């Protein structure tokens, strides 16, 4: 009987843990919620996170190294866009958006080139408390000044809700074809993996103890 109770408890814990996970699964222009996996590469690890800082899966998640049957979204420089999740972000931590220009067709690009960051959602501090932007949609805009071409548009949630344990990365990559761009070369850039280190203050932060400031890991946000 004790074994049965233990098994039930273990299964309940596993289900609870899985339900606390989430995945970026849709991309659309404007503020539309989009269709799951139409323009976002389909991952193969359900809604589980990536935890290895040295893994290529940090780029576009497990199973997302190539486009497969993913379509490519036509956008114009300066257009707003929205990523949508299967459920709202559940764990505290920053959300960031990156881009990487494909050398050719984005559907064949594995994300091994240079990445630049275009937006961060970090914490807001007020009255000695921190609040995080934990939503089921995240919207920002494509930079107006970058070159036309095909890009990976990558969004990540870094979950730092459990200090002392390995942080979790929830990642999704959309495919876009950018039209009407400019001639600015984005800087700074970074490789993924490589952009994030285990010693980054934003990676090791204890959000429950003396938490009054925060620096989002990765390069600075590029602005035109």
C-alpha atoms as a PDB file:
ATOM      1  CA  UNK A   1       0.000   0.000   0.000  1.00  0.00           C
ATOM      2  CA  UNK A   2       2.827   2.388   0.860  1.00  0.00           C
ATOM      3  CA  UNK A   3       4.348   1.729  -2.556  1.00  0.00           C
ATOM      4  CA  UNK A   4       1.057   2.577  -4.254  1.00  0.00           C
ATOM      5  CA  UNK A   5       0.760   5.830  -2.307  1.00  0.00           C
ATOM      6  CA  UNK A   6       4.350   6.719  -3.172  1.00  0.00           C
ATOM      7  CA  UNK A   7       3.735   6.039  -6.859  1.00  0.00           C
ATOM      8  CA  UNK A   8       0.589   8.164  -6.855  1.00  0.00           C
ATOM      9  CA  UNK A   9       2.423  11.008  -5.116  1.00  0.00           C
ATOM     10  CA  UNK A  10       5.297  10.795  -7.600  1.00  0.00           C
ATOM     11  CA  UNK A  11       2.918  10.834 -10.549  1.00  0.00           C
ATOM     12  CA  UNK A  12       1.036  13.810  -9.114  1.00  0.00           C
ATOM     13  CA  UNK A  13       4.284  15.710  -8.619  1.00  0.00           C
ATOM     14  CA  UNK A  14       5.395  14.920 -12.174  1.00  0.00           C
ATOM     15  CA  UNK A  15       2.064  16.110 -13.554  1.00  0.00           C
ATOM     16  CA  UNK A  16       2.241  19.294 -11.506  1.00  0.00           C
ATOM     17  CA  UNK A  17       5.787  19.954 -12.687  1.00  0.00           C
ATOM     18  CA  UNK A  18       4.845  19.380 -16.335  1.00  0.00           C
ATOM     19  CA  UNK A  19       1.809  21.659 -16.017  1.00  0.00           C
ATOM     20  CA  UNK A  20       4.082  24.441 -14.774  1.00  0.00           C
ATOM     21  CA  UNK A  21       6.017  24.346 -18.060  1.00  0.00           C
ATOM     22  CA  UNK A  22       5.134  26.267 -21.204  1.00  0.00           C
ATOM     23  CA  UNK A  23       6.180  26.675 -24.805  1.00  0.00           C
ATOM     24  CA  UNK A  24       6.306  29.510 -27.355  1.00  0.00           C
ATOM     25  CA  UNK A  25       4.351  28.036 -30.236  1.00  0.00           C
ATOM     26  CA  UNK A  26       2.943  30.802 -32.454  1.00  0.00           C
ATOM     27  CA  UNK A  27       4.161  33.938 -34.236  1.00  0.00           C
ATOM     28  CA  UNK A  28       2.058  36.535 -36.047  1.00  0.00           C
ATOM     29  CA  UNK A  29       2.209  40.098 -37.306  1.00  0.00           C
ATOM     30  CA  UNK A  30       0.718  42.810 -35.153  1.00  0.00           C
ATOM     31  CA  UNK A  31      -0.994  41.618 -31.987  1.00  0.00           C
ATOM     32  CA  UNK A  32      -2.651  38.538 -33.475  1.00  0.00           C
ATOM     33  CA  UNK A  33      -2.111  35.269 -31.620  1.00  0.00           C
ATOM     34  CA  UNK A  34      -1.270  33.249 -34.722  1.00  0.00           C
ATOM     35  CA  UNK A  35      -1.471  29.536 -35.446  1.00  0.00           C
ATOM     36  CA  UNK A  36       0.599  27.055 -33.451  1.00  0.00           C
ATOM     37  CA  UNK A  37       3.749  25.999 -35.321  1.00  0.00           C
ATOM     38  CA  UNK A  38       2.836  27.737 -38.566  1.00  0.00           C
ATOM     39  CA  UNK A  39       5.816  30.116 -38.388  1.00  0.00           C
ATOM     40  CA  UNK A  40       7.506  28.724 -35.246  1.00  0.00           C
ATOM     41  CA  UNK A  41       9.732  25.666 -35.482  1.00  0.00           C
ATOM     42  CA  UNK A  42       8.177  22.640 -33.818  1.00  0.00           C
ATOM     43  CA  UNK A  43      10.181  21.335 -30.883  1.00  0.00           C
ATOM     44  CA  UNK A  44      10.337  17.665 -29.888  1.00  0.00           C
ATOM     45  CA  UNK A  45      10.551  17.959 -26.087  1.00  0.00           C
ATOM     46  CA  UNK A  46       6.893  18.888 -25.462  1.00  0.00           C
ATOM     47  CA  UNK A  47       7.018  21.834 -23.027  1.00  0.00           C
ATOM     48  CA  UNK A  48      10.203  20.888 -21.200  1.00  0.00           C
ATOM     49  CA  UNK A  49      13.025  23.414 -20.785  1.00  0.00           C
ATOM     50  CA  UNK A  50      16.642  23.349 -21.941  1.00  0.00           C
ATOM     51  CA  UNK A  51      19.101  23.488 -19.031  1.00  0.00           C
ATOM     52  CA  UNK A  52      22.545  22.920 -20.605  1.00  0.00           C
ATOM     53  CA  UNK A  53      24.360  26.203 -21.313  1.00  0.00           C
ATOM     54  CA  UNK A  54      26.659  24.450 -23.798  1.00  0.00           C
ATOM     55  CA  UNK A  55      23.880  22.852 -25.833  1.00  0.00           C
ATOM     56  CA  UNK A  56      22.971  23.889 -29.372  1.00  0.00           C
ATOM     57  CA  UNK A  57      19.358  23.351 -28.259  1.00  0.00           C
ATOM     58  CA  UNK A  58      19.584  26.778 -26.610  1.00  0.00           C
ATOM     59  CA  UNK A  59      19.240  28.253 -30.092  1.00  0.00           C
ATOM     60  CA  UNK A  60      15.820  26.987 -31.147  1.00  0.00           C
ATOM     61  CA  UNK A  61      14.936  24.286 -28.609  1.00  0.00           C
ATOM     62  CA  UNK A  62      15.173  20.508 -28.909  1.00  0.00           C
ATOM     63  CA  UNK A  63      14.275  19.441 -32.446  1.00  0.00           C
ATOM     64  CA  UNK A  64      14.420  22.999 -33.789  1.00  0.00           C
ATOM     65  CA  UNK A  65      17.739  22.937 -35.635  1.00  0.00           C
ATOM     66  CA  UNK A  66      16.012  23.241 -39.035  1.00  0.00           C
ATOM     67  CA  UNK A  67      12.680  24.476 -40.298  1.00  0.00           C
ATOM     68  CA  UNK A  68      11.110  21.210 -41.372  1.00  0.00           C
ATOM     69  CA  UNK A  69       7.550  22.062 -42.426  1.00  0.00           C
ATOM     70  CA  UNK A  70       7.646  25.526 -40.820  1.00  0.00           C
ATOM     71  CA  UNK A  71       6.495  28.394 -43.035  1.00  0.00           C
ATOM     72  CA  UNK A  72       8.287  31.730 -43.215  1.00  0.00           C
ATOM     73  CA  UNK A  73       6.414  34.904 -42.237  1.00  0.00           C
ATOM     74  CA  UNK A  74       6.728  37.967 -44.505  1.00  0.00           C
ATOM     75  CA  UNK A  75       7.281  41.134 -42.466  1.00  0.00           C
ATOM     76  CA  UNK A  76       8.411  44.681 -43.126  1.00  0.00           C
ATOM     77  CA  UNK A  77      11.124  46.528 -41.233  1.00  0.00           C
ATOM     78  CA  UNK A  78       9.517  48.237 -38.258  1.00  0.00           C
ATOM     79  CA  UNK A  79       6.519  45.885 -38.157  1.00  0.00           C
ATOM     80  CA  UNK A  80       5.112  44.812 -34.792  1.00  0.00           C
ATOM     81  CA  UNK A  81       4.851  41.089 -34.099  1.00  0.00           C
ATOM     82  CA  UNK A  82       3.590  38.796 -31.353  1.00  0.00           C
ATOM     83  CA  UNK A  83       4.742  35.476 -29.930  1.00  0.00           C
ATOM     84  CA  UNK A  84       2.058  33.378 -28.212  1.00  0.00           C
ATOM     85  CA  UNK A  85       2.501  30.526 -25.737  1.00  0.00           C
ATOM     86  CA  UNK A  86       0.350  27.487 -25.009  1.00  0.00           C
ATOM     87  CA  UNK A  87      -0.139  28.917 -21.508  1.00  0.00           C
ATOM     88  CA  UNK A  88       1.123  31.984 -19.700  1.00  0.00           C
ATOM     89  CA  UNK A  89       4.731  32.082 -18.520  1.00  0.00           C
ATOM     90  CA  UNK A  90       4.652  30.450 -15.096  1.00  0.00           C
ATOM     91  CA  UNK A  91       8.158  30.992 -13.725  1.00  0.00           C
ATOM     92  CA  UNK A  92       9.784  34.269 -12.722  1.00  0.00           C
ATOM     93  CA  UNK A  93      12.626  35.481 -14.907  1.00  0.00           C
ATOM     94  CA  UNK A  94      13.358  37.679 -17.909  1.00  0.00           C
ATOM     95  CA  UNK A  95      11.962  37.217 -21.411  1.00  0.00           C
ATOM     96  CA  UNK A  96      14.136  38.298 -24.351  1.00  0.00           C
ATOM     97  CA  UNK A  97      13.897  38.403 -28.151  1.00  0.00           C
ATOM     98  CA  UNK A  98      16.876  37.783 -30.446  1.00  0.00           C
ATOM     99  CA  UNK A  99      17.440  37.739 -34.213  1.00  0.00           C
ATOM    100  CA  UNK A 100      19.996  36.014 -36.425  1.00  0.00           C
ATOM    101  CA  UNK A 101      20.313  36.555 -40.184  1.00  0.00           C
ATOM    102  CA  UNK A 102      20.361  33.395 -42.249  1.00  0.00           C
ATOM    103  CA  UNK A 103      23.063  33.081 -44.919  1.00  0.00           C
ATOM    104  CA  UNK A 104      20.414  31.763 -47.294  1.00  0.00           C
ATOM    105  CA  UNK A 105      17.006  30.189 -46.774  1.00  0.00           C
ATOM    106  CA  UNK A 106      16.057  30.492 -43.116  1.00  0.00           C
ATOM    107  CA  UNK A 107      14.344  27.087 -43.171  1.00  0.00           C
ATOM    108  CA  UNK A 108      17.789  25.506 -43.609  1.00  0.00           C
ATOM    109  CA  UNK A 109      19.580  27.710 -41.074  1.00  0.00           C
ATOM    110  CA  UNK A 110      20.665  26.157 -37.766  1.00  0.00           C
ATOM    111  CA  UNK A 111      21.308  29.412 -35.906  1.00  0.00           C
ATOM    112  CA  UNK A 112      25.084  28.932 -35.695  1.00  0.00           C
ATOM    113  CA  UNK A 113      25.793  32.501 -36.820  1.00  0.00           C
ATOM    114  CA  UNK A 114      25.679  35.771 -34.909  1.00  0.00           C
ATOM    115  CA  UNK A 115      22.692  36.723 -32.751  1.00  0.00           C
ATOM    116  CA  UNK A 116      21.638  40.172 -31.588  1.00  0.00           C
ATOM    117  CA  UNK A 117      19.044  41.057 -28.984  1.00  0.00           C
ATOM    118  CA  UNK A 118      16.162  43.395 -29.806  1.00  0.00           C
ATOM    119  CA  UNK A 119      14.112  43.408 -26.590  1.00  0.00           C
ATOM    120  CA  UNK A 120      14.134  42.466 -22.904  1.00  0.00           C
ATOM    121  CA  UNK A 121      11.275  42.152 -20.440  1.00  0.00           C
ATOM    122  CA  UNK A 122      12.988  42.330 -17.059  1.00  0.00           C
ATOM    123  CA  UNK A 123      11.602  42.875 -13.579  1.00  0.00           C
ATOM    124  CA  UNK A 124      10.000  46.072 -12.323  1.00  0.00           C
ATOM    125  CA  UNK A 125      10.959  47.118  -8.799  1.00  0.00           C
ATOM    126  CA  UNK A 126       8.502  49.020  -6.614  1.00  0.00           C
ATOM    127  CA  UNK A 127       8.116  49.297  -2.865  1.00  0.00           C
ATOM    128  CA  UNK A 128      10.865  46.802  -2.251  1.00  0.00           C
ATOM    129  CA  UNK A 129       9.133  44.186  -4.424  1.00  0.00           C
ATOM    130  CA  UNK A 130       9.887  42.857  -7.912  1.00  0.00           C
ATOM    131  CA  UNK A 131       7.212  42.042 -10.466  1.00  0.00           C
ATOM    132  CA  UNK A 132       7.735  40.063 -13.661  1.00  0.00           C
ATOM    133  CA  UNK A 133       5.943  40.261 -16.990  1.00  0.00           C
ATOM    134  CA  UNK A 134       4.442  36.756 -17.012  1.00  0.00           C
ATOM    135  CA  UNK A 135       1.935  36.653 -19.874  1.00  0.00           C
ATOM    136  CA  UNK A 136       0.747  34.369 -22.661  1.00  0.00           C
ATOM    137  CA  UNK A 137       1.686  36.844 -25.429  1.00  0.00           C
ATOM    138  CA  UNK A 138       4.738  39.043 -25.977  1.00  0.00           C
ATOM    139  CA  UNK A 139       4.781  41.809 -28.592  1.00  0.00           C
ATOM    140  CA  UNK A 140       7.518  44.114 -29.866  1.00  0.00           C
ATOM    141  CA  UNK A 141       8.751  45.397 -33.254  1.00  0.00           C
ATOM    142  CA  UNK A 142      11.306  44.481 -35.900  1.00  0.00           C
ATOM    143  CA  UNK A 143      14.135  47.073 -36.029  1.00  0.00           C
ATOM    144  CA  UNK A 144      13.684  49.425 -38.994  1.00  0.00           C
ATOM    145  CA  UNK A 145      17.363  49.811 -39.852  1.00  0.00           C
ATOM    146  CA  UNK A 146      18.595  46.231 -40.286  1.00  0.00           C
ATOM    147  CA  UNK A 147      19.136  44.609 -43.674  1.00  0.00           C
ATOM    148  CA  UNK A 148      16.429  42.824 -45.597  1.00  0.00           C
ATOM    149  CA  UNK A 149      16.666  39.053 -45.774  1.00  0.00           C
ATOM    150  CA  UNK A 150      15.608  35.928 -43.928  1.00  0.00           C
ATOM    151  CA  UNK A 151      16.041  35.673 -40.172  1.00  0.00           C
ATOM    152  CA  UNK A 152      15.465  33.464 -37.206  1.00  0.00           C
ATOM    153  CA  UNK A 153      13.383  35.396 -34.683  1.00  0.00           C
ATOM    154  CA  UNK A 154      14.012  33.796 -31.300  1.00  0.00           C
ATOM    155  CA  UNK A 155      12.231  34.309 -27.975  1.00  0.00           C
ATOM    156  CA  UNK A 156      13.396  32.940 -24.635  1.00  0.00           C
ATOM    157  CA  UNK A 157      12.122  32.816 -21.080  1.00  0.00           C
ATOM    158  CA  UNK A 158      14.866  32.288 -18.500  1.00  0.00           C
ATOM    159  CA  UNK A 159      13.241  30.745 -15.434  1.00  0.00           C
ATOM    160  CA  UNK A 160      15.159  31.619 -12.256  1.00  0.00           C
ATOM    161  CA  UNK A 161      12.348  30.785  -9.834  1.00  0.00           C
ATOM    162  CA  UNK A 162      14.307  28.166  -7.894  1.00  0.00           C
ATOM    163  CA  UNK A 163      17.605  29.638  -6.581  1.00  0.00           C
ATOM    164  CA  UNK A 164      20.306  27.027  -6.105  1.00  0.00           C
ATOM    165  CA  UNK A 165      18.907  24.826  -8.858  1.00  0.00           C
ATOM    166  CA  UNK A 166      19.808  24.960 -12.542  1.00  0.00           C
ATOM    167  CA  UNK A 167      17.837  27.724 -14.288  1.00  0.00           C
ATOM    168  CA  UNK A 168      15.529  26.700 -17.126  1.00  0.00           C
ATOM    169  CA  UNK A 169      15.376  28.045 -20.668  1.00  0.00           C
ATOM    170  CA  UNK A 170      12.087  28.013 -22.579  1.00  0.00           C
ATOM    171  CA  UNK A 171      12.886  28.825 -26.204  1.00  0.00           C
ATOM    172  CA  UNK A 172      11.085  29.178 -29.517  1.00  0.00           C
ATOM    173  CA  UNK A 173      12.263  30.248 -32.978  1.00  0.00           C
ATOM    174  CA  UNK A 174      10.135  31.834 -35.661  1.00  0.00           C
ATOM    175  CA  UNK A 175      11.136  32.167 -39.304  1.00  0.00           C
ATOM    176  CA  UNK A 176      10.724  35.535 -41.033  1.00  0.00           C
ATOM    177  CA  UNK A 177      11.504  37.168 -44.351  1.00  0.00           C
ATOM    178  CA  UNK A 178      12.252  40.848 -43.740  1.00  0.00           C
ATOM    179  CA  UNK A 179      11.454  43.368 -46.475  1.00  0.00           C
ATOM    180  CA  UNK A 180      12.203  47.092 -46.750  1.00  0.00           C
ATOM    181  CA  UNK A 181      15.179  46.988 -44.420  1.00  0.00           C
ATOM    182  CA  UNK A 182      18.110  49.354 -44.055  1.00  0.00           C
ATOM    183  CA  UNK A 183      21.881  48.994 -43.992  1.00  0.00           C
ATOM    184  CA  UNK A 184      22.820  49.019 -40.294  1.00  0.00           C
ATOM    185  CA  UNK A 185      24.892  46.118 -38.985  1.00  0.00           C
ATOM    186  CA  UNK A 186      23.493  45.175 -35.558  1.00  0.00           C
ATOM    187  CA  UNK A 187      25.878  45.260 -32.584  1.00  0.00           C
ATOM    188  CA  UNK A 188      26.705  43.789 -30.152  1.00  0.00           C
ATOM    189  CA  UNK A 189      26.314  40.200 -31.289  1.00  0.00           C
ATOM    190  CA  UNK A 190      26.886  36.847 -29.613  1.00  0.00           C
ATOM    191  CA  UNK A 191      26.899  33.158 -30.397  1.00  0.00           C
ATOM    192  CA  UNK A 192      24.375  30.744 -28.916  1.00  0.00           C
ATOM    193  CA  UNK A 193      25.544  28.772 -27.039  1.00  0.00           C
ATOM    194  CA  UNK A 194      28.138  31.127 -25.581  1.00  0.00           C
ATOM    195  CA  UNK A 195      26.034  34.222 -24.895  1.00  0.00           C
ATOM    196  CA  UNK A 196      25.087  33.061 -21.401  1.00  0.00           C
ATOM    197  CA  UNK A 197      27.435  31.976 -18.626  1.00  0.00           C
ATOM    198  CA  UNK A 198      26.864  30.234 -15.312  1.00  0.00           C
ATOM    199  CA  UNK A 199      28.554  33.190 -13.593  1.00  0.00           C
ATOM    200  CA  UNK A 200      26.205  35.831 -15.031  1.00  0.00           C
ATOM    201  CA  UNK A 201      24.548  37.715 -12.137  1.00  0.00           C
ATOM    202  CA  UNK A 202      21.214  37.439 -13.933  1.00  0.00           C
ATOM    203  CA  UNK A 203      21.618  33.668 -14.104  1.00  0.00           C
ATOM    204  CA  UNK A 204      22.557  33.129 -10.458  1.00  0.00           C
ATOM    205  CA  UNK A 205      20.252  35.760  -8.876  1.00  0.00           C
ATOM    206  CA  UNK A 206      18.238  34.875  -5.789  1.00  0.00           C
ATOM    207  CA  UNK A 207      14.935  36.618  -6.462  1.00  0.00           C
ATOM    208  CA  UNK A 208      13.690  36.044  -2.904  1.00  0.00           C
ATOM    209  CA  UNK A 209      16.584  37.517  -0.919  1.00  0.00           C
ATOM    210  CA  UNK A 210      17.817  41.127  -1.059  1.00  0.00           C
ATOM    211  CA  UNK A 211      16.613  41.410  -4.638  1.00  0.00           C
ATOM    212  CA  UNK A 212      16.674  45.095  -5.626  1.00  0.00           C
ATOM    213  CA  UNK A 213      18.349  45.151  -9.054  1.00  0.00           C
ATOM    214  CA  UNK A 214      18.759  42.819 -11.992  1.00  0.00           C
ATOM    215  CA  UNK A 215      20.781  42.574 -15.214  1.00  0.00           C
ATOM    216  CA  UNK A 216      19.328  40.379 -17.958  1.00  0.00           C
ATOM    217  CA  UNK A 217      21.930  37.890 -19.244  1.00  0.00           C
ATOM    218  CA  UNK A 218      23.249  38.156 -22.791  1.00  0.00           C
ATOM    219  CA  UNK A 219      24.396  41.080 -24.948  1.00  0.00           C
ATOM    220  CA  UNK A 220      22.938  44.569 -24.672  1.00  0.00           C
ATOM    221  CA  UNK A 221      19.762  45.288 -26.612  1.00  0.00           C
ATOM    222  CA  UNK A 222      20.466  46.570 -30.136  1.00  0.00           C
ATOM    223  CA  UNK A 223      18.641  49.739 -31.145  1.00  0.00           C
ATOM    224  CA  UNK A 224      18.644  51.558 -34.477  1.00  0.00           C
END
